C-alpha atoms as a PDB file:
ATOM      1  CA  UNK A   1     113.852 159.862  69.930  1.00  0.00           C
ATOM      2  CA  UNK A   2     111.267 157.630  70.790  1.00  0.00           C
ATOM      3  CA  UNK A   3     111.185 156.440  74.470  1.00  0.00           C
ATOM      4  CA  UNK A   4     111.383 152.579  74.607  1.00  0.00           C
ATOM      5  CA  UNK A   5     110.171 152.351  78.101  1.00  0.00           C
ATOM      6  CA  UNK A   6     111.132 149.691  80.554  1.00  0.00           C
ATOM      7  CA  UNK A   7     111.746 146.225  79.217  1.00  0.00           C
ATOM      8  CA  UNK A   8     108.746 143.765  80.023  1.00  0.00           C
ATOM      9  CA  UNK A   9     109.816 140.426  81.403  1.00  0.00           C
ATOM     10  CA  UNK A  10     108.901 137.213  79.322  1.00  0.00           C
ATOM     11  CA  UNK A  11     106.067 135.389  80.580  1.00  0.00           C
ATOM     12  CA  UNK A  12     107.123 132.067  81.913  1.00  0.00           C
ATOM     13  CA  UNK A  13     110.566 133.737  83.271  1.00  0.00           C
ATOM     14  CA  UNK A  14     109.440 133.245  86.694  1.00  0.00           C
ATOM     15  CA  UNK A  15     106.614 132.306  89.171  1.00  0.00           C
ATOM     16  CA  UNK A  16     105.809 135.899  89.253  1.00  0.00           C
ATOM     17  CA  UNK A  17     105.577 136.350  85.252  1.00  0.00           C
ATOM     18  CA  UNK A  18     103.853 133.011  84.661  1.00  0.00           C
ATOM     19  CA  UNK A  19     102.388 131.890  81.244  1.00  0.00           C
ATOM     20  CA  UNK A  20      98.657 132.346  81.460  1.00  0.00           C
ATOM     21  CA  UNK A  21      96.916 129.005  80.524  1.00  0.00           C
ATOM     22  CA  UNK A  22      93.507 130.359  79.797  1.00  0.00           C
ATOM     23  CA  UNK A  23      92.018 126.956  78.051  1.00  0.00           C
ATOM     24  CA  UNK A  24      93.207 124.657  80.733  1.00  0.00           C
ATOM     25  CA  UNK A  25      89.996 122.638  82.116  1.00  0.00           C
ATOM     26  CA  UNK A  26      90.966 121.947  85.805  1.00  0.00           C
ATOM     27  CA  UNK A  27      90.050 118.546  87.348  1.00  0.00           C
ATOM     28  CA  UNK A  28      87.464 118.418  90.253  1.00  0.00           C
ATOM     29  CA  UNK A  29      89.144 119.785  93.346  1.00  0.00           C
ATOM     30  CA  UNK A  30      90.848 122.866  94.531  1.00  0.00           C
ATOM     31  CA  UNK A  31      94.480 122.871  93.397  1.00  0.00           C
ATOM     32  CA  UNK A  32      97.081 125.553  93.696  1.00  0.00           C
ATOM     33  CA  UNK A  33      98.662 127.405  90.751  1.00  0.00           C
ATOM     34  CA  UNK A  34     100.996 125.535  88.425  1.00  0.00           C
ATOM     35  CA  UNK A  35     104.497 126.690  89.298  1.00  0.00           C
ATOM     36  CA  UNK A  36     107.071 127.180  86.561  1.00  0.00           C
ATOM     37  CA  UNK A  37     109.154 124.137  87.710  1.00  0.00           C
ATOM     38  CA  UNK A  38     106.072 122.063  87.624  1.00  0.00           C
ATOM     39  CA  UNK A  39     105.321 123.152  84.011  1.00  0.00           C
ATOM     40  CA  UNK A  40     108.725 122.750  82.817  1.00  0.00           C
ATOM     41  CA  UNK A  41     108.695 119.009  84.121  1.00  0.00           C
ATOM     42  CA  UNK A  42     105.287 118.450  82.504  1.00  0.00           C
ATOM     43  CA  UNK A  43     106.858 119.663  78.991  1.00  0.00           C
ATOM     44  CA  UNK A  44     110.042 117.624  79.493  1.00  0.00           C
ATOM     45  CA  UNK A  45     107.630 114.603  79.536  1.00  0.00           C
ATOM     46  CA  UNK A  46     105.261 115.509  76.654  1.00  0.00           C
ATOM     47  CA  UNK A  47     108.019 116.136  74.287  1.00  0.00           C
ATOM     48  CA  UNK A  48     109.825 112.899  73.769  1.00  0.00           C
ATOM     49  CA  UNK A  49     113.153 114.154  72.317  1.00  0.00           C
ATOM     50  CA  UNK A  50     113.515 116.110  75.786  1.00  0.00           C
ATOM     51  CA  UNK A  51     112.585 112.842  77.735  1.00  0.00           C
ATOM     52  CA  UNK A  52     115.361 110.778  75.705  1.00  0.00           C
ATOM     53  CA  UNK A  53     118.117 113.277  76.322  1.00  0.00           C
ATOM     54  CA  UNK A  54     117.325 113.698  79.925  1.00  0.00           C
ATOM     55  CA  UNK A  55     115.382 110.444  81.182  1.00  0.00           C
ATOM     56  CA  UNK A  56     116.478 110.590  84.788  1.00  0.00           C
ATOM     57  CA  UNK A  57     114.284 112.449  87.247  1.00  0.00           C
ATOM     58  CA  UNK A  58     113.626 112.066  90.797  1.00  0.00           C
ATOM     59  CA  UNK A  59     110.760 110.564  92.560  1.00  0.00           C
ATOM     60  CA  UNK A  60     109.657 114.118  93.654  1.00  0.00           C
ATOM     61  CA  UNK A  61     109.872 115.399  90.291  1.00  0.00           C
ATOM     62  CA  UNK A  62     107.448 112.419  88.887  1.00  0.00           C
ATOM     63  CA  UNK A  63     105.301 113.176  91.671  1.00  0.00           C
ATOM     64  CA  UNK A  64     104.955 116.844  90.571  1.00  0.00           C
ATOM     65  CA  UNK A  65     104.524 115.502  87.131  1.00  0.00           C
ATOM     66  CA  UNK A  66     101.458 113.218  88.100  1.00  0.00           C
ATOM     67  CA  UNK A  67     100.043 116.138  90.054  1.00  0.00           C
ATOM     68  CA  UNK A  68     100.161 118.436  86.914  1.00  0.00           C
ATOM     69  CA  UNK A  69      98.685 115.591  84.856  1.00  0.00           C
ATOM     70  CA  UNK A  70      96.044 115.254  87.496  1.00  0.00           C
ATOM     71  CA  UNK A  71      95.013 118.895  87.229  1.00  0.00           C
ATOM     72  CA  UNK A  72      95.327 118.928  83.175  1.00  0.00           C
ATOM     73  CA  UNK A  73      93.210 115.584  83.154  1.00  0.00           C
ATOM     74  CA  UNK A  74      96.153 114.234  80.644  1.00  0.00           C
ATOM     75  CA  UNK A  75      95.920 110.547  80.683  1.00  0.00           C
ATOM     76  CA  UNK A  76      98.980 110.137  78.769  1.00  0.00           C
ATOM     77  CA  UNK A  77     100.993 112.280  80.937  1.00  0.00           C
ATOM     78  CA  UNK A  78      99.485 110.283  84.053  1.00  0.00           C
ATOM     79  CA  UNK A  79     100.389 107.031  82.943  1.00  0.00           C
ATOM     80  CA  UNK A  80     103.955 108.082  82.165  1.00  0.00           C
ATOM     81  CA  UNK A  81     104.476 109.355  85.525  1.00  0.00           C
ATOM     82  CA  UNK A  82     102.803 106.380  87.195  1.00  0.00           C
ATOM     83  CA  UNK A  83     104.834 104.068  85.371  1.00  0.00           C
ATOM     84  CA  UNK A  84     108.072 105.771  86.168  1.00  0.00           C
ATOM     85  CA  UNK A  85     106.977 105.840  90.110  1.00  0.00           C
ATOM     86  CA  UNK A  86     106.303 102.304  90.177  1.00  0.00           C
ATOM     87  CA  UNK A  87     109.709 101.542  89.240  1.00  0.00           C
ATOM     88  CA  UNK A  88     111.088 103.824  91.890  1.00  0.00           C
ATOM     89  CA  UNK A  89     112.289 103.253  95.478  1.00  0.00           C
ATOM     90  CA  UNK A  90     109.269 104.949  97.216  1.00  0.00           C
ATOM     91  CA  UNK A  91     108.536 103.601 100.618  1.00  0.00           C
ATOM     92  CA  UNK A  92     105.001 101.791 100.993  1.00  0.00           C
ATOM     93  CA  UNK A  93     103.659 104.618 103.239  1.00  0.00           C
ATOM     94  CA  UNK A  94     104.281 107.225 100.259  1.00  0.00           C
ATOM     95  CA  UNK A  95     102.985 104.730  97.767  1.00  0.00           C
ATOM     96  CA  UNK A  96      99.754 104.341  99.809  1.00  0.00           C
ATOM     97  CA  UNK A  97      99.677 108.357  99.998  1.00  0.00           C
ATOM     98  CA  UNK A  98     100.114 108.695  96.078  1.00  0.00           C
ATOM     99  CA  UNK A  99      97.514 105.683  95.645  1.00  0.00           C
ATOM    100  CA  UNK A 100      94.947 107.404  97.559  1.00  0.00           C
ATOM    101  CA  UNK A 101      95.511 111.137  96.240  1.00  0.00           C
ATOM    102  CA  UNK A 102      95.803 110.391  92.600  1.00  0.00           C
ATOM    103  CA  UNK A 103      93.642 107.286  92.584  1.00  0.00           C
ATOM    104  CA  UNK A 104      95.943 104.277  91.692  1.00  0.00           C
ATOM    105  CA  UNK A 105      94.411 101.295  93.411  1.00  0.00           C
ATOM    106  CA  UNK A 106      96.493  98.757  91.320  1.00  0.00           C
ATOM    107  CA  UNK A 107      99.347  99.661  93.720  1.00  0.00           C
ATOM    108  CA  UNK A 108      97.574  98.677  96.864  1.00  0.00           C
ATOM    109  CA  UNK A 109      97.998  94.817  96.665  1.00  0.00           C
ATOM    110  CA  UNK A 110     101.937  95.430  96.725  1.00  0.00           C
ATOM    111  CA  UNK A 111     101.908  98.313  99.151  1.00  0.00           C
ATOM    112  CA  UNK A 112      99.609  96.837 102.109  1.00  0.00           C
ATOM    113  CA  UNK A 113     101.486  93.749 102.576  1.00  0.00           C
ATOM    114  CA  UNK A 114     104.748  95.699 103.138  1.00  0.00           C
ATOM    115  CA  UNK A 115     102.859  97.952 105.536  1.00  0.00           C
ATOM    116  CA  UNK A 116     101.645  95.140 107.508  1.00  0.00           C
ATOM    117  CA  UNK A 117     105.392  94.190 108.315  1.00  0.00           C
ATOM    118  CA  UNK A 118     106.068  98.015 109.373  1.00  0.00           C
ATOM    119  CA  UNK A 119     106.770  98.338 113.085  1.00  0.00           C
ATOM    120  CA  UNK A 120     104.770 101.567 113.262  1.00  0.00           C
ATOM    121  CA  UNK A 121     101.425 102.431 111.367  1.00  0.00           C
ATOM    122  CA  UNK A 122     100.613 106.027 112.304  1.00  0.00           C
ATOM    123  CA  UNK A 123      97.228 107.731 112.110  1.00  0.00           C
ATOM    124  CA  UNK A 124      98.069 109.527 109.075  1.00  0.00           C
ATOM    125  CA  UNK A 125      98.481 106.372 107.099  1.00  0.00           C
ATOM    126  CA  UNK A 126      95.691 104.747 108.691  1.00  0.00           C
ATOM    127  CA  UNK A 127      93.335 107.733 107.335  1.00  0.00           C
ATOM    128  CA  UNK A 128      94.712 106.856 103.856  1.00  0.00           C
ATOM    129  CA  UNK A 129      93.396 103.207 103.862  1.00  0.00           C
ATOM    130  CA  UNK A 130      90.316 102.801 101.933  1.00  0.00           C
ATOM    131  CA  UNK A 131      87.344 101.970 104.579  1.00  0.00           C
ATOM    132  CA  UNK A 132      86.625  98.629 102.973  1.00  0.00           C
ATOM    133  CA  UNK A 133      90.201  97.642 103.657  1.00  0.00           C
ATOM    134  CA  UNK A 134      90.449  98.617 107.234  1.00  0.00           C
ATOM    135  CA  UNK A 135      89.088  95.770 109.020  1.00  0.00           C
ATOM    136  CA  UNK A 136      90.590  92.917 106.932  1.00  0.00           C
ATOM    137  CA  UNK A 137      94.099  95.017 106.955  1.00  0.00           C
ATOM    138  CA  UNK A 138      94.401  95.114 110.461  1.00  0.00           C
ATOM    139  CA  UNK A 139      92.993  91.730 111.190  1.00  0.00           C
ATOM    140  CA  UNK A 140      95.601  90.378 109.075  1.00  0.00           C
ATOM    141  CA  UNK A 141      98.174  92.688 110.791  1.00  0.00           C
ATOM    142  CA  UNK A 142      97.237  91.279 114.338  1.00  0.00           C
ATOM    143  CA  UNK A 143      97.456  87.647 113.011  1.00  0.00           C
ATOM    144  CA  UNK A 144     100.817  88.150 111.469  1.00  0.00           C
ATOM    145  CA  UNK A 145     102.137  89.779 114.924  1.00  0.00           C
ATOM    146  CA  UNK A 146     100.622  86.540 117.016  1.00  0.00           C
ATOM    147  CA  UNK A 147     102.279  84.395 114.282  1.00  0.00           C
ATOM    148  CA  UNK A 148     105.654  85.962 114.899  1.00  0.00           C
ATOM    149  CA  UNK A 149     105.395  85.498 118.602  1.00  0.00           C
ATOM    150  CA  UNK A 150     104.568  81.952 118.469  1.00  0.00           C
ATOM    151  CA  UNK A 151     107.300  80.900 116.093  1.00  0.00           C
ATOM    152  CA  UNK A 152     109.872  83.071 117.971  1.00  0.00           C
ATOM    153  CA  UNK A 153     108.763  81.378 121.248  1.00  0.00           C
ATOM    154  CA  UNK A 154     109.248  78.080 119.902  1.00  0.00           C
ATOM    155  CA  UNK A 155     112.512  78.674 117.996  1.00  0.00           C
ATOM    156  CA  UNK A 156     113.918  80.249 121.476  1.00  0.00           C
ATOM    157  CA  UNK A 157     113.507  76.802 123.003  1.00  0.00           C
ATOM    158  CA  UNK A 158     116.099  75.039 121.026  1.00  0.00           C
ATOM    159  CA  UNK A 159     116.447  71.492 122.450  1.00  0.00           C
ATOM    160  CA  UNK A 160     119.688  70.917 120.827  1.00  0.00           C
ATOM    161  CA  UNK A 161     122.519  69.655 123.278  1.00  0.00           C
ATOM    162  CA  UNK A 162     125.116  71.906 121.447  1.00  0.00           C
ATOM    163  CA  UNK A 163     123.028  75.182 121.790  1.00  0.00           C
ATOM    164  CA  UNK A 164     124.318  77.919 123.879  1.00  0.00           C
ATOM    165  CA  UNK A 165     120.796  79.396 124.574  1.00  0.00           C
ATOM    166  CA  UNK A 166     120.213  80.021 128.209  1.00  0.00           C
ATOM    167  CA  UNK A 167     117.074  81.014 130.161  1.00  0.00           C
ATOM    168  CA  UNK A 168     118.442  84.362 130.485  1.00  0.00           C
ATOM    169  CA  UNK A 169     119.143  84.402 126.813  1.00  0.00           C
ATOM    170  CA  UNK A 170     115.560  83.350 125.950  1.00  0.00           C
ATOM    171  CA  UNK A 171     114.230  86.068 128.261  1.00  0.00           C
ATOM    172  CA  UNK A 172     116.235  88.609 126.820  1.00  0.00           C
ATOM    173  CA  UNK A 173     115.002  87.371 123.132  1.00  0.00           C
ATOM    174  CA  UNK A 174     111.272  87.320 124.217  1.00  0.00           C
ATOM    175  CA  UNK A 175     111.677  90.803 125.737  1.00  0.00           C
ATOM    176  CA  UNK A 176     113.088  92.428 122.763  1.00  0.00           C
ATOM    177  CA  UNK A 177     110.278  90.767 120.659  1.00  0.00           C
ATOM    178  CA  UNK A 178     107.723  92.084 122.712  1.00  0.00           C
ATOM    179  CA  UNK A 179     109.315  95.668 122.543  1.00  0.00           C
ATOM    180  CA  UNK A 180     109.514  95.106 118.670  1.00  0.00           C
ATOM    181  CA  UNK A 181     105.766  94.417 118.610  1.00  0.00           C
ATOM    182  CA  UNK A 182     104.709  97.218 121.084  1.00  0.00           C
ATOM    183  CA  UNK A 183     101.753  99.325 119.595  1.00  0.00           C
ATOM    184  CA  UNK A 184     103.170 102.297 121.750  1.00  0.00           C
ATOM    185  CA  UNK A 185     105.474 102.949 119.091  1.00  0.00           C
ATOM    186  CA  UNK A 186     102.666 103.372 116.323  1.00  0.00           C
ATOM    187  CA  UNK A 187     101.829 106.736 118.586  1.00  0.00           C
ATOM    188  CA  UNK A 188     105.211 108.143 118.014  1.00  0.00           C
ATOM    189  CA  UNK A 189     107.378 109.195 115.198  1.00  0.00           C
ATOM    190  CA  UNK A 190     106.932 106.774 112.169  1.00  0.00           C
ATOM    191  CA  UNK A 191     109.355 103.857 112.076  1.00  0.00           C
ATOM    192  CA  UNK A 192     109.858 102.542 108.550  1.00  0.00           C
ATOM    193  CA  UNK A 193     111.783  99.368 109.456  1.00  0.00           C
ATOM    194  CA  UNK A 194     109.900  95.989 109.444  1.00  0.00           C
ATOM    195  CA  UNK A 195     109.250  93.983 112.404  1.00  0.00           C
ATOM    196  CA  UNK A 196     111.272  91.102 110.992  1.00  0.00           C
ATOM    197  CA  UNK A 197     114.171  92.981 109.900  1.00  0.00           C
ATOM    198  CA  UNK A 198     114.459  94.958 113.093  1.00  0.00           C
ATOM    199  CA  UNK A 199     114.281  91.403 114.773  1.00  0.00           C
ATOM    200  CA  UNK A 200     116.805  89.908 112.659  1.00  0.00           C
ATOM    201  CA  UNK A 201     119.125  92.570 113.486  1.00  0.00           C
ATOM    202  CA  UNK A 202     118.743  91.807 117.084  1.00  0.00           C
ATOM    203  CA  UNK A 203     119.615  88.185 116.132  1.00  0.00           C
ATOM    204  CA  UNK A 204     122.737  88.860 114.371  1.00  0.00           C
ATOM    205  CA  UNK A 205     125.135  87.579 116.844  1.00  0.00           C
ATOM    206  CA  UNK A 206     123.386  84.643 118.439  1.00  0.00           C
ATOM    207  CA  UNK A 207     125.151  82.006 120.631  1.00  0.00           C
ATOM    208  CA  UNK A 208     127.348  79.766 118.794  1.00  0.00           C
ATOM    209  CA  UNK A 209     124.764  77.233 117.826  1.00  0.00           C
ATOM    210  CA  UNK A 210     124.668  76.350 113.965  1.00  0.00           C
ATOM    211  CA  UNK A 211     120.997  75.297 114.241  1.00  0.00           C
ATOM    212  CA  UNK A 212     119.863  78.503 115.672  1.00  0.00           C
ATOM    213  CA  UNK A 213     121.910  80.641 113.381  1.00  0.00           C
ATOM    214  CA  UNK A 214     120.466  79.453 110.377  1.00  0.00           C
ATOM    215  CA  UNK A 215     116.768  78.993 112.078  1.00  0.00           C
ATOM    216  CA  UNK A 216     116.550  82.314 113.028  1.00  0.00           C
ATOM    217  CA  UNK A 217     116.895  83.859 109.352  1.00  0.00           C
ATOM    218  CA  UNK A 218     114.670  81.040 107.925  1.00  0.00           C
ATOM    219  CA  UNK A 219     111.998  81.636 110.533  1.00  0.00           C
ATOM    220  CA  UNK A 220     111.896  85.229 110.119  1.00  0.00           C
ATOM    221  CA  UNK A 221     111.854  85.009 106.442  1.00  0.00           C
ATOM    222  CA  UNK A 222     109.062  82.577 106.574  1.00  0.00           C
ATOM    223  CA  UNK A 223     107.169  84.744 109.009  1.00  0.00           C
ATOM    224  CA  UNK A 224     107.423  87.934 106.596  1.00  0.00           C
ATOM    225  CA  UNK A 225     106.050  85.794 103.770  1.00  0.00           C
ATOM    226  CA  UNK A 226     103.163  84.520 105.901  1.00  0.00           C
ATOM    227  CA  UNK A 227     102.337  88.063 106.575  1.00  0.00           C
ATOM    228  CA  UNK A 228     102.186  89.357 103.148  1.00  0.00           C
ATOM    229  CA  UNK A 229     100.260  86.444 101.983  1.00  0.00           C
ATOM    230  CA  UNK A 230      97.488  86.916 104.496  1.00  0.00           C
ATOM    231  CA  UNK A 231      97.208  90.670 103.732  1.00  0.00           C
ATOM    232  CA  UNK A 232      96.782  89.568  99.862  1.00  0.00           C
ATOM    233  CA  UNK A 233      94.353  86.962 100.964  1.00  0.00           C
ATOM    234  CA  UNK A 234      92.202  88.996 103.479  1.00  0.00           C
ATOM    235  CA  UNK A 235      92.255  92.567 101.353  1.00  0.00           C
ATOM    236  CA  UNK A 236      92.339  91.279  97.882  1.00  0.00           C
ATOM    237  CA  UNK A 237      90.720  87.677  97.691  1.00  0.00           C
ATOM    238  CA  UNK A 238      89.749  88.468  94.054  1.00  0.00           C
ATOM    239  CA  UNK A 239      93.238  88.793  93.087  1.00  0.00           C
ATOM    240  CA  UNK A 240      94.112  84.976  93.643  1.00  0.00           C
ATOM    241  CA  UNK A 241      95.490  83.213  90.750  1.00  0.00           C
ATOM    242  CA  UNK A 242      93.032  80.817  89.034  1.00  0.00           C
ATOM    243  CA  UNK A 243      94.066  77.568  87.905  1.00  0.00           C
ATOM    244  CA  UNK A 244      93.886  76.626  84.442  1.00  0.00           C
ATOM    245  CA  UNK A 245      94.084  73.086  82.446  1.00  0.00           C
ATOM    246  CA  UNK A 246      96.453  72.561  79.439  1.00  0.00           C
ATOM    247  CA  UNK A 247      93.920  73.857  77.179  1.00  0.00           C
ATOM    248  CA  UNK A 248      93.652  77.117  78.994  1.00  0.00           C
ATOM    249  CA  UNK A 249      90.279  76.419  80.480  1.00  0.00           C
ATOM    250  CA  UNK A 250      89.578  78.102  84.094  1.00  0.00           C
ATOM    251  CA  UNK A 251      89.303  75.843  86.830  1.00  0.00           C
ATOM    252  CA  UNK A 252      88.531  78.286  89.323  1.00  0.00           C
ATOM    253  CA  UNK A 253      90.620  79.462  92.215  1.00  0.00           C
END
């Protein structure tokens, strides 16, 4: 009888026995080998019937699909991954990293305003910012912080006769605000909470003054909106909406 020998493992059955892709043109850069899982994810997007049957992928999986698309220089695969990631709940820091690594500049006008409100901004995130946006971004962030200090300081000095704010309470509020804005936190572990959210949480149980209770929420919301609009104005001045007349003629910004 003929000896059949040891049975060979099929290509693609594991990372140790991969499918050899000899005709793939890698994009510029030094990329690691594509794993079996990444290849499987890419195929699940490239074949519509698979995507329809199993449309739910995590953000981490779509990031892997985007990485494969970048290596294979596949525009369709790349656009599909970016579209799904844009709808995900990724934090602004992660969106900044993806925008920088995979060249998705259209995300920046929405990402940077949220990062401006973030309590900490570690050096890893700073390194990801485009050089042309460093000065306008941090200038806007500093102005936002100063605006918050000004608004809270004025708000704490409530003149209503029914207000229970005391001098001690006002000092406690201003002290917590200074702590929330402290730049020393930037050097420690990353804090994803926004300054306004953190301060709003601090004021959830203010003294029994109807005026101040509503005023705190309105003031912090207005300050957050100011910070976001300030970053968009400083970093992306060309993105301002342009006015048009009834006939659609451009009237300028």
